[in-house]
Amino acid sequence: ERAGRTERPEEFRRYGSARGLYHFKVDN
């Protein structure tokens, strides 16, 4: 709405962090 768009939120998919890189792993 703030951007003046008319697309519906239900049409989108969300992506984010799996948080797998947050911690040190000795195997690496």
mmCIF file of all heavy atoms, coordinates in Angstrom:
data_MODEL
# 
_entry.id   MODEL 
# 
loop_
_atom_site.group_PDB 
_atom_site.id 
_atom_site.type_symbol 
_atom_site.label_atom_id 
_atom_site.label_alt_id 
_atom_site.label_comp_id 
_atom_site.label_asym_id 
_atom_site.label_entity_id 
_atom_site.label_seq_id 
_atom_site.pdbx_PDB_ins_code 
_atom_site.Cartn_x 
_atom_site.Cartn_y 
_atom_site.Cartn_z 
_atom_site.occupancy 
_atom_site.B_iso_or_equiv 
_atom_site.pdbx_formal_charge 
_atom_site.auth_seq_id 
_atom_site.auth_comp_id 
_atom_site.auth_asym_id 
_atom_site.auth_atom_id 
_atom_site.pdbx_PDB_model_num 
ATOM 1   N N   . GLU A 1 1  ? 0.829  -1.210  0.000  1.00 0.00 ? 1  GLU A N   1 
ATOM 2   C CA  . GLU A 1 1  ? 0.000  0.000   0.000  1.00 0.00 ? 1  GLU A CA  1 
ATOM 3   C C   . GLU A 1 1  ? 0.860  1.255   0.000  1.00 0.00 ? 1  GLU A C   1 
ATOM 4   O O   . GLU A 1 1  ? 0.598  2.208   -0.748 1.00 0.00 ? 1  GLU A O   1 
ATOM 5   C CB  . GLU A 1 1  ? -0.923 -0.007  1.210  1.00 0.00 ? 1  GLU A CB  1 
ATOM 6   C CG  . GLU A 1 1  ? -1.841 1.210   1.277  1.00 0.00 ? 1  GLU A CG  1 
ATOM 7   C CD  . GLU A 1 1  ? -2.764 1.192   2.471  1.00 0.00 ? 1  GLU A CD  1 
ATOM 8   O OE1 . GLU A 1 1  ? -2.632 0.284   3.329  1.00 0.00 ? 1  GLU A OE1 1 
ATOM 9   O OE2 . GLU A 1 1  ? -3.622 2.091   2.577  1.00 0.00 ? 1  GLU A OE2 1 
ATOM 10  N N   . ARG A 1 2  ? 1.906  1.271   0.824  1.00 0.00 ? 2  ARG A N   1 
ATOM 11  C CA  . ARG A 1 2  ? 2.798  2.431   0.883  1.00 0.00 ? 2  ARG A CA  1 
ATOM 12  C C   . ARG A 1 2  ? 3.502  2.675   -0.445 1.00 0.00 ? 2  ARG A C   1 
ATOM 13  O O   . ARG A 1 2  ? 3.816  3.817   -0.785 1.00 0.00 ? 2  ARG A O   1 
ATOM 14  C CB  . ARG A 1 2  ? 3.830  2.243   1.999  1.00 0.00 ? 2  ARG A CB  1 
ATOM 15  C CG  . ARG A 1 2  ? 3.251  2.354   3.404  1.00 0.00 ? 2  ARG A CG  1 
ATOM 16  C CD  . ARG A 1 2  ? 4.235  1.853   4.440  1.00 0.00 ? 2  ARG A CD  1 
ATOM 17  N NE  . ARG A 1 2  ? 5.493  2.576   4.390  1.00 0.00 ? 2  ARG A NE  1 
ATOM 18  C CZ  . ARG A 1 2  ? 6.622  2.130   4.918  1.00 0.00 ? 2  ARG A CZ  1 
ATOM 19  N NH1 . ARG A 1 2  ? 6.664  0.947   5.519  1.00 0.00 ? 2  ARG A NH1 1 
ATOM 20  N NH2 . ARG A 1 2  ? 7.718  2.853   4.838  1.00 0.00 ? 2  ARG A NH2 1 
ATOM 21  N N   . ALA A 1 3  ? 3.747  1.601   -1.181 1.00 0.00 ? 3  ALA A N   1 
ATOM 22  C CA  . ALA A 1 3  ? 4.421  1.714   -2.479 1.00 0.00 ? 3  ALA A CA  1 
ATOM 23  C C   . ALA A 1 3  ? 3.448  1.949   -3.628 1.00 0.00 ? 3  ALA A C   1 
ATOM 24  O O   . ALA A 1 3  ? 3.866  2.037   -4.784 1.00 0.00 ? 3  ALA A O   1 
ATOM 25  C CB  . ALA A 1 3  ? 5.240  0.456   -2.748 1.00 0.00 ? 3  ALA A CB  1 
ATOM 26  N N   . GLY A 1 4  ? 2.160  2.034   -3.326 1.00 0.00 ? 4  GLY A N   1 
ATOM 27  C CA  . GLY A 1 4  ? 1.177  2.270   -4.364 1.00 0.00 ? 4  GLY A CA  1 
ATOM 28  C C   . GLY A 1 4  ? 0.909  1.071   -5.243 1.00 0.00 ? 4  GLY A C   1 
ATOM 29  O O   . GLY A 1 4  ? 0.445  1.215   -6.376 1.00 0.00 ? 4  GLY A O   1 
ATOM 30  N N   . ARG A 1 5  ? 1.140  -0.136  -4.716 1.00 0.00 ? 5  ARG A N   1 
ATOM 31  C CA  . ARG A 1 5  ? 0.944  -1.353  -5.493 1.00 0.00 ? 5  ARG A CA  1 
ATOM 32  C C   . ARG A 1 5  ? -0.447 -1.925  -5.259 1.00 0.00 ? 5  ARG A C   1 
ATOM 33  O O   . ARG A 1 5  ? -1.068 -1.667  -4.227 1.00 0.00 ? 5  ARG A O   1 
ATOM 34  C CB  . ARG A 1 5  ? 1.983  -2.413  -5.115 1.00 0.00 ? 5  ARG A CB  1 
ATOM 35  C CG  . ARG A 1 5  ? 3.431  -1.969  -5.177 1.00 0.00 ? 5  ARG A CG  1 
ATOM 36  C CD  . ARG A 1 5  ? 3.870  -1.588  -6.571 1.00 0.00 ? 5  ARG A CD  1 
ATOM 37  N NE  . ARG A 1 5  ? 3.584  -2.636  -7.548 1.00 0.00 ? 5  ARG A NE  1 
ATOM 38  C CZ  . ARG A 1 5  ? 3.858  -2.521  -8.844 1.00 0.00 ? 5  ARG A CZ  1 
ATOM 39  N NH1 . ARG A 1 5  ? 4.420  -1.409  -9.308 1.00 0.00 ? 5  ARG A NH1 1 
ATOM 40  N NH2 . ARG A 1 5  ? 3.583  -3.505  -9.676 1.00 0.00 ? 5  ARG A NH2 1 
ATOM 41  N N   . THR A 1 6  ? -0.914 -2.733  -6.220 1.00 0.00 ? 6  THR A N   1 
ATOM 42  C CA  . THR A 1 6  ? -2.238 -3.343  -6.118 1.00 0.00 ? 6  THR A CA  1 
ATOM 43  C C   . THR A 1 6  ? -2.185 -4.866  -6.004 1.00 0.00 ? 6  THR A C   1 
ATOM 44  O O   . THR A 1 6  ? -3.235 -5.514  -5.939 1.00 0.00 ? 6  THR A O   1 
ATOM 45  C CB  . THR A 1 6  ? -3.097 -2.962  -7.344 1.00 0.00 ? 6  THR A CB  1 
ATOM 46  O OG1 . THR A 1 6  ? -2.440 -3.402  -8.546 1.00 0.00 ? 6  THR A OG1 1 
ATOM 47  C CG2 . THR A 1 6  ? -3.312 -1.459  -7.406 1.00 0.00 ? 6  THR A CG2 1 
ATOM 48  N N   . GLU A 1 7  ? -0.986 -5.444  -5.983 1.00 0.00 ? 7  GLU A N   1 
ATOM 49  C CA  . GLU A 1 7  ? -0.878 -6.892  -5.834 1.00 0.00 ? 7  GLU A CA  1 
ATOM 50  C C   . GLU A 1 7  ? -1.427 -7.324  -4.457 1.00 0.00 ? 7  GLU A C   1 
ATOM 51  O O   . GLU A 1 7  ? -1.390 -6.567  -3.490 1.00 0.00 ? 7  GLU A O   1 
ATOM 52  C CB  . GLU A 1 7  ? 0.573  -7.354  -5.969 1.00 0.00 ? 7  GLU A CB  1 
ATOM 53  C CG  . GLU A 1 7  ? 1.142  -7.222  -7.373 1.00 0.00 ? 7  GLU A CG  1 
ATOM 54  C CD  . GLU A 1 7  ? 1.663  -5.842  -7.703 1.00 0.00 ? 7  GLU A CD  1 
ATOM 55  O OE1 . GLU A 1 7  ? 1.592  -4.957  -6.818 1.00 0.00 ? 7  GLU A OE1 1 
ATOM 56  O OE2 . GLU A 1 7  ? 2.137  -5.641  -8.827 1.00 0.00 ? 7  GLU A OE2 1 
ATOM 57  N N   . ARG A 1 8  ? -1.881 -8.567  -4.386 1.00 0.00 ? 8  ARG A N   1 
ATOM 58  C CA  . ARG A 1 8  ? -2.423 -9.095  -3.140 1.00 0.00 ? 8  ARG A CA  1 
ATOM 59  C C   . ARG A 1 8  ? -1.333 -9.863  -2.385 1.00 0.00 ? 8  ARG A C   1 
ATOM 60  O O   . ARG A 1 8  ? -0.577 -10.631 -2.984 1.00 0.00 ? 8  ARG A O   1 
ATOM 61  C CB  . ARG A 1 8  ? -3.609 -10.014 -3.417 1.00 0.00 ? 8  ARG A CB  1 
ATOM 62  C CG  . ARG A 1 8  ? -4.808 -9.293  -4.034 1.00 0.00 ? 8  ARG A CG  1 
ATOM 63  C CD  . ARG A 1 8  ? -6.007 -10.215 -4.183 1.00 0.00 ? 8  ARG A CD  1 
ATOM 64  N NE  . ARG A 1 8  ? -5.739 -11.308 -5.106 1.00 0.00 ? 8  ARG A NE  1 
ATOM 65  C CZ  . ARG A 1 8  ? -5.630 -12.584 -4.743 1.00 0.00 ? 8  ARG A CZ  1 
ATOM 66  N NH1 . ARG A 1 8  ? -5.744 -12.926 -3.481 1.00 0.00 ? 8  ARG A NH1 1 
ATOM 67  N NH2 . ARG A 1 8  ? -5.390 -13.513 -5.650 1.00 0.00 ? 8  ARG A NH2 1 
ATOM 68  N N   . PRO A 1 9  ? -1.222 -9.681  -1.061 1.00 0.00 ? 9  PRO A N   1 
ATOM 69  C CA  . PRO A 1 9  ? -0.184 -10.374 -0.282 1.00 0.00 ? 9  PRO A CA  1 
ATOM 70  C C   . PRO A 1 9  ? -0.236 -11.890 -0.438 1.00 0.00 ? 9  PRO A C   1 
ATOM 71  O O   . PRO A 1 9  ? 0.803  -12.552 -0.385 1.00 0.00 ? 9  PRO A O   1 
ATOM 72  C CB  . PRO A 1 9  ? -0.503 -9.958  1.158  1.00 0.00 ? 9  PRO A CB  1 
ATOM 73  C CG  . PRO A 1 9  ? -1.203 -8.648  1.030  1.00 0.00 ? 9  PRO A CG  1 
ATOM 74  C CD  . PRO A 1 9  ? -2.005 -8.744  -0.232 1.00 0.00 ? 9  PRO A CD  1 
ATOM 75  N N   . GLU A 1 10 ? -1.415 -12.442 -0.646 1.00 0.00 ? 10 GLU A N   1 
ATOM 76  C CA  . GLU A 1 10 ? -1.560 -13.889 -0.763 1.00 0.00 ? 10 GLU A CA  1 
ATOM 77  C C   . GLU A 1 10 ? -0.858 -14.452 -2.001 1.00 0.00 ? 10 GLU A C   1 
ATOM 78  O O   . GLU A 1 10 ? -0.655 -15.666 -2.117 1.00 0.00 ? 10 GLU A O   1 
ATOM 79  C CB  . GLU A 1 10 ? -3.044 -14.268 -0.812 1.00 0.00 ? 10 GLU A CB  1 
ATOM 80  C CG  . GLU A 1 10 ? -3.818 -13.966 0.462  1.00 0.00 ? 10 GLU A CG  1 
ATOM 81  C CD  . GLU A 1 10 ? -4.231 -12.506 0.572  1.00 0.00 ? 10 GLU A CD  1 
ATOM 82  O OE1 . GLU A 1 10 ? -4.006 -11.741 -0.395 1.00 0.00 ? 10 GLU A OE1 1 
ATOM 83  O OE2 . GLU A 1 10 ? -4.770 -12.127 1.629  1.00 0.00 ? 10 GLU A OE2 1 
ATOM 84  N N   . GLU A 1 11 ? -0.481 -13.587 -2.918 1.00 0.00 ? 11 GLU A N   1 
ATOM 85  C CA  . GLU A 1 11 ? 0.178  -14.028 -4.147 1.00 0.00 ? 11 GLU A CA  1 
ATOM 86  C C   . GLU A 1 11 ? 1.685  -14.214 -3.970 1.00 0.00 ? 11 GLU A C   1 
ATOM 87  O O   . GLU A 1 11 ? 2.360  -14.700 -4.878 1.00 0.00 ? 11 GLU A O   1 
ATOM 88  C CB  . GLU A 1 11 ? -0.066 -13.003 -5.256 1.00 0.00 ? 11 GLU A CB  1 
ATOM 89  C CG  . GLU A 1 11 ? -1.543 -12.805 -5.599 1.00 0.00 ? 11 GLU A CG  1 
ATOM 90  C CD  . GLU A 1 11 ? -1.769 -11.635 -6.538 1.00 0.00 ? 11 GLU A CD  1 
ATOM 91  O OE1 . GLU A 1 11 ? -0.835 -10.813 -6.709 1.00 0.00 ? 11 GLU A OE1 1 
ATOM 92  O OE2 . GLU A 1 11 ? -2.862 -11.528 -7.098 1.00 0.00 ? 11 GLU A OE2 1 
ATOM 93  N N   . PHE A 1 12 ? 2.217  -13.840 -2.809 1.00 0.00 ? 12 PHE A N   1 
ATOM 94  C CA  . PHE A 1 12 ? 3.665  -13.838 -2.575 1.00 0.00 ? 12 PHE A CA  1 
ATOM 95  C C   . PHE A 1 12 ? 4.098  -15.039 -1.736 1.00 0.00 ? 12 PHE A C   1 
ATOM 96  O O   . PHE A 1 12 ? 3.311  -15.621 -0.982 1.00 0.00 ? 12 PHE A O   1 
ATOM 97  C CB  . PHE A 1 12 ? 4.080  -12.561 -1.847 1.00 0.00 ? 12 PHE A CB  1 
ATOM 98  C CG  . PHE A 1 12 ? 3.990  -11.311 -2.678 1.00 0.00 ? 12 PHE A CG  1 
ATOM 99  C CD1 . PHE A 1 12 ? 2.758  -10.723 -2.934 1.00 0.00 ? 12 PHE A CD1 1 
ATOM 100 C CD2 . PHE A 1 12 ? 5.129  -10.721 -3.193 1.00 0.00 ? 12 PHE A CD2 1 
ATOM 101 C CE1 . PHE A 1 12 ? 2.659  -9.562  -3.694 1.00 0.00 ? 12 PHE A CE1 1 
ATOM 102 C CE2 . PHE A 1 12 ? 5.047  -9.557  -3.954 1.00 0.00 ? 12 PHE A CE2 1 
ATOM 103 C CZ  . PHE A 1 12 ? 3.801  -8.991  -4.199 1.00 0.00 ? 12 PHE A CZ  1 
ATOM 104 N N   . ARG A 1 13 ? 5.385  -15.370 -1.866 1.00 0.00 ? 13 ARG A N   1 
ATOM 105 C CA  . ARG A 1 13 ? 6.038  -16.337 -0.989 1.00 0.00 ? 13 ARG A CA  1 
ATOM 106 C C   . ARG A 1 13 ? 7.120  -15.631 -0.189 1.00 0.00 ? 13 ARG A C   1 
ATOM 107 O O   . ARG A 1 13 ? 7.692  -14.648 -0.632 1.00 0.00 ? 13 ARG A O   1 
ATOM 108 C CB  . ARG A 1 13 ? 6.645  -17.474 -1.800 1.00 0.00 ? 13 ARG A CB  1 
ATOM 109 C CG  . ARG A 1 13 ? 5.603  -18.396 -2.450 1.00 0.00 ? 13 ARG A CG  1 
ATOM 110 C CD  . ARG A 1 13 ? 6.240  -19.423 -3.357 1.00 0.00 ? 13 ARG A CD  1 
ATOM 111 N NE  . ARG A 1 13 ? 6.833  -18.786 -4.538 1.00 0.00 ? 13 ARG A NE  1 
ATOM 112 C CZ  . ARG A 1 13 ? 7.619  -19.407 -5.393 1.00 0.00 ? 13 ARG A CZ  1 
ATOM 113 N NH1 . ARG A 1 13 ? 7.963  -20.665 -5.196 1.00 0.00 ? 13 ARG A NH1 1 
ATOM 114 N NH2 . ARG A 1 13 ? 8.094  -18.768 -6.445 1.00 0.00 ? 13 ARG A NH2 1 
ATOM 115 N N   . ARG A 1 14 ? 7.373  -16.148 1.000  1.00 0.00 ? 14 ARG A N   1 
ATOM 116 C CA  . ARG A 1 14 ? 8.355  -15.515 1.897  1.00 0.00 ? 14 ARG A CA  1 
ATOM 117 C C   . ARG A 1 14 ? 9.626  -16.351 1.971  1.00 0.00 ? 14 ARG A C   1 
ATOM 118 O O   . ARG A 1 14 ? 9.572  -17.580 2.029  1.00 0.00 ? 14 ARG A O   1 
ATOM 119 C CB  . ARG A 1 14 ? 7.764  -15.347 3.302  1.00 0.00 ? 14 ARG A CB  1 
ATOM 120 C CG  . ARG A 1 14 ? 8.719  -14.691 4.306  1.00 0.00 ? 14 ARG A CG  1 
ATOM 121 C CD  . ARG A 1 14 ? 8.014  -14.357 5.604  1.00 0.00 ? 14 ARG A CD  1 
ATOM 122 N NE  . ARG A 1 14 ? 7.741  -15.518 6.424  1.00 0.00 ? 14 ARG A NE  1 
ATOM 123 C CZ  . ARG A 1 14 ? 8.505  -15.907 7.456  1.00 0.00 ? 14 ARG A CZ  1 
ATOM 124 N NH1 . ARG A 1 14 ? 9.604  -15.233 7.763  1.00 0.00 ? 14 ARG A NH1 1 
ATOM 125 N NH2 . ARG A 1 14 ? 8.180  -16.972 8.168  1.00 0.00 ? 14 ARG A NH2 1 
ATOM 126 N N   . TYR A 1 15 ? 10.775 -15.665 2.014  1.00 0.00 ? 15 TYR A N   1 
ATOM 127 C CA  . TYR A 1 15 ? 12.078 -16.311 2.136  1.00 0.00 ? 15 TYR A CA  1 
ATOM 128 C C   . TYR A 1 15 ? 12.882 -15.635 3.246  1.00 0.00 ? 15 TYR A C   1 
ATOM 129 O O   . TYR A 1 15 ? 12.752 -14.428 3.491  1.00 0.00 ? 15 TYR A O   1 
ATOM 130 C CB  . TYR A 1 15 ? 12.845 -16.232 0.818  1.00 0.00 ? 15 TYR A CB  1 
ATOM 131 C CG  . TYR A 1 15 ? 12.110 -16.864 -0.337 1.00 0.00 ? 15 TYR A CG  1 
ATOM 132 C CD1 . TYR A 1 15 ? 11.230 -16.108 -1.115 1.00 0.00 ? 15 TYR A CD1 1 
ATOM 133 C CD2 . TYR A 1 15 ? 12.272 -18.210 -0.644 1.00 0.00 ? 15 TYR A CD2 1 
ATOM 134 C CE1 . TYR A 1 15 ? 10.526 -16.684 -2.157 1.00 0.00 ? 15 TYR A CE1 1 
ATOM 135 C CE2 . TYR A 1 15 ? 11.583 -18.800 -1.691 1.00 0.00 ? 15 TYR A CE2 1 
ATOM 136 C CZ  . TYR A 1 15 ? 10.706 -18.023 -2.450 1.00 0.00 ? 15 TYR A CZ  1 
ATOM 137 O OH  . TYR A 1 15 ? 10.013 -18.596 -3.477 1.00 0.00 ? 15 TYR A OH  1 
ATOM 138 N N   . GLY A 1 16 ? 13.707 -16.429 3.907  1.00 0.00 ? 16 GLY A N   1 
ATOM 139 C CA  . GLY A 1 16 ? 14.534 -15.883 4.981  1.00 0.00 ? 16 GLY A CA  1 
ATOM 140 C C   . GLY A 1 16 ? 15.634 -16.848 5.359  1.00 0.00 ? 16 GLY A C   1 
ATOM 141 O O   . GLY A 1 16 ? 15.888 -17.857 4.683  1.00 0.00 ? 16 GLY A O   1 
ATOM 142 N N   . SER A 1 17 ? 16.275 -16.571 6.473  1.00 0.00 ? 17 SER A N   1 
ATOM 143 C CA  . SER A 1 17 ? 17.445 -17.335 6.893  1.00 0.00 ? 17 SER A CA  1 
ATOM 144 C C   . SER A 1 17 ? 17.065 -18.650 7.563  1.00 0.00 ? 17 SER A C   1 
ATOM 145 O O   . SER A 1 17 ? 16.169 -18.711 8.401  1.00 0.00 ? 17 SER A O   1 
ATOM 146 C CB  . SER A 1 17 ? 18.279 -16.504 7.874  1.00 0.00 ? 17 SER A CB  1 
ATOM 147 O OG  . SER A 1 17 ? 19.359 -17.263 8.367  1.00 0.00 ? 17 SER A OG  1 
ATOM 148 N N   . ALA A 1 18 ? 17.778 -19.704 7.190  1.00 0.00 ? 18 ALA A N   1 
ATOM 149 C CA  . ALA A 1 18 ? 17.649 -20.995 7.884  1.00 0.00 ? 18 ALA A CA  1 
ATOM 150 C C   . ALA A 1 18 ? 18.463 -21.002 9.160  1.00 0.00 ? 18 ALA A C   1 
ATOM 151 O O   . ALA A 1 18 ? 18.382 -21.948 9.942  1.00 0.00 ? 18 ALA A O   1 
ATOM 152 C CB  . ALA A 1 18 ? 18.104 -22.126 6.972  1.00 0.00 ? 18 ALA A CB  1 
ATOM 153 N N   . ARG A 1 19 ? 19.266 -19.966 9.365  1.00 0.00 ? 19 ARG A N   1 
ATOM 154 C CA  . ARG A 1 19 ? 20.104 -19.771 10.557 1.00 0.00 ? 19 ARG A CA  1 
ATOM 155 C C   . ARG A 1 19 ? 21.138 -20.886 10.720 1.00 0.00 ? 19 ARG A C   1 
ATOM 156 O O   . ARG A 1 19 ? 21.607 -21.147 11.829 1.00 0.00 ? 19 ARG A O   1 
ATOM 157 C CB  . ARG A 1 19 ? 19.233 -19.644 11.811 1.00 0.00 ? 19 ARG A CB  1 
ATOM 158 C CG  . ARG A 1 19 ? 18.242 -18.474 11.745 1.00 0.00 ? 19 ARG A CG  1 
ATOM 159 C CD  . ARG A 1 19 ? 17.526 -18.258 13.061 1.00 0.00 ? 19 ARG A CD  1 
ATOM 160 N NE  . ARG A 1 19 ? 16.681 -17.075 12.997 1.00 0.00 ? 19 ARG A NE  1 
ATOM 161 C CZ  . ARG A 1 19 ? 15.373 -17.103 12.754 1.00 0.00 ? 19 ARG A CZ  1 
ATOM 162 N NH1 . ARG A 1 19 ? 14.772 -18.274 12.554 1.00 0.00 ? 19 ARG A NH1 1 
ATOM 163 N NH2 . ARG A 1 19 ? 14.668 -15.994 12.713 1.00 0.00 ? 19 ARG A NH2 1 
ATOM 164 N N   . GLY A 1 20 ? 21.505 -21.499 9.612  1.00 0.00 ? 20 GLY A N   1 
ATOM 165 C CA  . GLY A 1 20 ? 22.518 -22.537 9.672  1.00 0.00 ? 20 GLY A CA  1 
ATOM 166 C C   . GLY A 1 20 ? 23.937 -22.000 9.686  1.00 0.00 ? 20 GLY A C   1 
ATOM 167 O O   . GLY A 1 20 ? 24.873 -22.727 10.009 1.00 0.00 ? 20 GLY A O   1 
ATOM 168 N N   . LEU A 1 21 ? 24.108 -20.721 9.317  1.00 0.00 ? 21 LEU A N   1 
ATOM 169 C CA  . LEU A 1 21 ? 25.452 -20.130 9.293  1.00 0.00 ? 21 LEU A CA  1 
ATOM 170 C C   . LEU A 1 21 ? 25.747 -19.292 10.533 1.00 0.00 ? 21 LEU A C   1 
ATOM 171 O O   . LEU A 1 21 ? 26.791 -18.659 10.617 1.00 0.00 ? 21 LEU A O   1 
ATOM 172 C CB  . LEU A 1 21 ? 25.597 -19.246 8.043  1.00 0.00 ? 21 LEU A CB  1 
ATOM 173 C CG  . LEU A 1 21 ? 25.470 -19.957 6.697  1.00 0.00 ? 21 LEU A CG  1 
ATOM 174 C CD1 . LEU A 1 21 ? 25.604 -18.957 5.561  1.00 0.00 ? 21 LEU A CD1 1 
ATOM 175 C CD2 . LEU A 1 21 ? 26.519 -21.041 6.563  1.00 0.00 ? 21 LEU A CD2 1 
ATOM 176 N N   . TYR A 1 22 ? 24.813 -19.294 11.492 1.00 0.00 ? 22 TYR A N   1 
ATOM 177 C CA  . TYR A 1 22 ? 24.981 -18.455 12.682 1.00 0.00 ? 22 TYR A CA  1 
ATOM 178 C C   . TYR A 1 22 ? 26.096 -18.941 13.601 1.00 0.00 ? 22 TYR A C   1 
ATOM 179 O O   . TYR A 1 22 ? 26.686 -18.165 14.327 1.00 0.00 ? 22 TYR A O   1 
ATOM 180 C CB  . TYR A 1 22 ? 23.688 -18.428 13.473 1.00 0.00 ? 22 TYR A CB  1 
ATOM 181 C CG  . TYR A 1 22 ? 22.684 -17.400 13.012 1.00 0.00 ? 22 TYR A CG  1 
ATOM 182 C CD1 . TYR A 1 22 ? 22.668 -16.950 11.700 1.00 0.00 ? 22 TYR A CD1 1 
ATOM 183 C CD2 . TYR A 1 22 ? 21.755 -16.880 13.898 1.00 0.00 ? 22 TYR A CD2 1 
ATOM 184 C CE1 . TYR A 1 22 ? 21.744 -16.018 11.286 1.00 0.00 ? 22 TYR A CE1 1 
ATOM 185 C CE2 . TYR A 1 22 ? 20.823 -15.939 13.488 1.00 0.00 ? 22 TYR A CE2 1 
ATOM 186 C CZ  . TYR A 1 22 ? 20.823 -15.515 12.173 1.00 0.00 ? 22 TYR A CZ  1 
ATOM 187 O OH  . TYR A 1 22 ? 19.920 -14.586 11.764 1.00 0.00 ? 22 TYR A OH  1 
ATOM 188 N N   . HIS A 1 23 ? 26.352 -20.243 13.620 1.00 0.00 ? 23 HIS A N   1 
ATOM 189 C CA  . HIS A 1 23 ? 27.243 -20.821 14.628 1.00 0.00 ? 23 HIS A CA  1 
ATOM 190 C C   . HIS A 1 23 ? 28.413 -21.551 13.971 1.00 0.00 ? 23 HIS A C   1 
ATOM 191 O O   . HIS A 1 23 ? 28.279 -22.156 12.911 1.00 0.00 ? 23 HIS A O   1 
ATOM 192 C CB  . HIS A 1 23 ? 26.468 -21.792 15.520 1.00 0.00 ? 23 HIS A CB  1 
ATOM 193 C CG  . HIS A 1 23 ? 25.247 -21.185 16.139 1.00 0.00 ? 23 HIS A CG  1 
ATOM 194 N ND1 . HIS A 1 23 ? 25.318 -20.236 17.128 1.00 0.00 ? 23 HIS A ND1 1 
ATOM 195 C CD2 . HIS A 1 23 ? 23.927 -21.379 15.879 1.00 0.00 ? 23 HIS A CD2 1 
ATOM 196 C CE1 . HIS A 1 23 ? 24.096 -19.886 17.473 1.00 0.00 ? 23 HIS A CE1 1 
ATOM 197 N NE2 . HIS A 1 23 ? 23.233 -20.553 16.725 1.00 0.00 ? 23 HIS A NE2 1 
ATOM 198 N N   . PHE A 1 24 ? 29.538 -21.492 14.641 1.00 0.00 ? 24 PHE A N   1 
ATOM 199 C CA  . PHE A 1 24 ? 30.719 -22.191 14.178 1.00 0.00 ? 24 PHE A CA  1 
ATOM 200 C C   . PHE A 1 24 ? 30.508 -23.703 14.261 1.00 0.00 ? 24 PHE A C   1 
ATOM 201 O O   . PHE A 1 24 ? 29.980 -24.215 15.257 1.00 0.00 ? 24 PHE A O   1 
ATOM 202 C CB  . PHE A 1 24 ? 31.929 -21.796 15.025 1.00 0.00 ? 24 PHE A CB  1 
ATOM 203 C CG  . PHE A 1 24 ? 33.170 -22.609 14.746 1.00 0.00 ? 24 PHE A CG  1 
ATOM 204 C CD1 . PHE A 1 24 ? 33.925 -22.359 13.604 1.00 0.00 ? 24 PHE A CD1 1 
ATOM 205 C CD2 . PHE A 1 24 ? 33.565 -23.626 15.602 1.00 0.00 ? 24 PHE A CD2 1 
ATOM 206 C CE1 . PHE A 1 24 ? 35.057 -23.106 13.332 1.00 0.00 ? 24 PHE A CE1 1 
ATOM 207 C CE2 . PHE A 1 24 ? 34.699 -24.365 15.334 1.00 0.00 ? 24 PHE A CE2 1 
ATOM 208 C CZ  . PHE A 1 24 ? 35.447 -24.117 14.206 1.00 0.00 ? 24 PHE A CZ  1 
ATOM 209 N N   . LYS A 1 25 ? 30.910 -24.402 13.217 1.00 0.00 ? 25 LYS A N   1 
ATOM 210 C CA  . LYS A 1 25 ? 30.841 -25.869 13.207 1.00 0.00 ? 25 LYS A CA  1 
ATOM 211 C C   . LYS A 1 25 ? 32.243 -26.419 13.033 1.00 0.00 ? 25 LYS A C   1 
ATOM 212 O O   . LYS A 1 25 ? 32.938 -26.082 12.065 1.00 0.00 ? 25 LYS A O   1 
ATOM 213 C CB  . LYS A 1 25 ? 29.935 -26.365 12.074 1.00 0.00 ? 25 LYS A CB  1 
ATOM 214 C CG  . LYS A 1 25 ? 28.461 -25.989 12.235 1.00 0.00 ? 25 LYS A CG  1 
ATOM 215 C CD  . LYS A 1 25 ? 27.643 -26.572 11.096 1.00 0.00 ? 25 LYS A CD  1 
ATOM 216 C CE  . LYS A 1 25 ? 26.160 -26.296 11.286 1.00 0.00 ? 25 LYS A CE  1 
ATOM 217 N NZ  . LYS A 1 25 ? 25.861 -24.849 11.269 1.00 0.00 ? 25 LYS A NZ  1 
ATOM 218 N N   . VAL A 1 26 ? 32.671 -27.244 13.958 1.00 0.00 ? 26 VAL A N   1 
ATOM 219 C CA  . VAL A 1 26 ? 34.027 -27.752 13.937 1.00 0.00 ? 26 VAL A CA  1 
ATOM 220 C C   . VAL A 1 26 ? 34.296 -28.553 12.655 1.00 0.00 ? 26 VAL A C   1 
ATOM 221 O O   . VAL A 1 26 ? 35.451 -28.620 12.180 1.00 0.00 ? 26 VAL A O   1 
ATOM 222 C CB  . VAL A 1 26 ? 34.315 -28.601 15.197 1.00 0.00 ? 26 VAL A CB  1 
ATOM 223 C CG1 . VAL A 1 26 ? 33.503 -29.891 15.162 1.00 0.00 ? 26 VAL A CG1 1 
ATOM 224 C CG2 . VAL A 1 26 ? 35.801 -28.854 15.354 1.00 0.00 ? 26 VAL A CG2 1 
ATOM 225 N N   . ASP A 1 27 ? 33.260 -29.149 12.075 1.00 0.00 ? 27 ASP A N   1 
ATOM 226 C CA  . ASP A 1 27 ? 33.450 -29.923 10.854 1.00 0.00 ? 27 ASP A CA  1 
ATOM 227 C C   . ASP A 1 27 ? 33.911 -29.056 9.705  1.00 0.00 ? 27 ASP A C   1 
ATOM 228 O O   . ASP A 1 27 ? 34.478 -29.564 8.711  1.00 0.00 ? 27 ASP A O   1 
ATOM 229 C CB  . ASP A 1 27 ? 32.150 -30.629 10.468 1.00 0.00 ? 27 ASP A CB  1 
ATOM 230 C CG  . ASP A 1 27 ? 31.778 -31.721 11.452 1.00 0.00 ? 27 ASP A CG  1 
ATOM 231 O OD1 . ASP A 1 27 ? 32.663 -32.149 12.215 1.00 0.00 ? 27 ASP A OD1 1 
ATOM 232 O OD2 . ASP A 1 27 ? 30.603 -32.126 11.468 1.00 0.00 ? 27 ASP A OD2 1 
ATOM 233 N N   . ASN A 1 28 ? 33.673 -27.774 9.807  1.00 0.00 ? 28 ASN A N   1 
ATOM 234 C CA  . ASN A 1 28 ? 34.070 -26.845 8.729  1.00 0.00 ? 28 ASN A CA  1 
ATOM 235 C C   . ASN A 1 28 ? 35.450 -26.235 8.960  1.00 0.00 ? 28 ASN A C   1 
ATOM 236 O O   . ASN A 1 28 ? 35.922 -25.477 8.132  1.00 0.00 ? 28 ASN A O   1 
ATOM 237 C CB  . ASN A 1 28 ? 33.051 -25.714 8.595  1.00 0.00 ? 28 ASN A CB  1 
ATOM 238 C CG  . ASN A 1 28 ? 31.682 -26.221 8.203  1.00 0.00 ? 28 ASN A CG  1 
ATOM 239 O OD1 . ASN A 1 28 ? 31.566 -27.246 7.539  1.00 0.00 ? 28 ASN A OD1 1 
ATOM 240 N ND2 . ASN A 1 28 ? 30.637 -25.526 8.622  1.00 0.00 ? 28 ASN A ND2 1 
# 
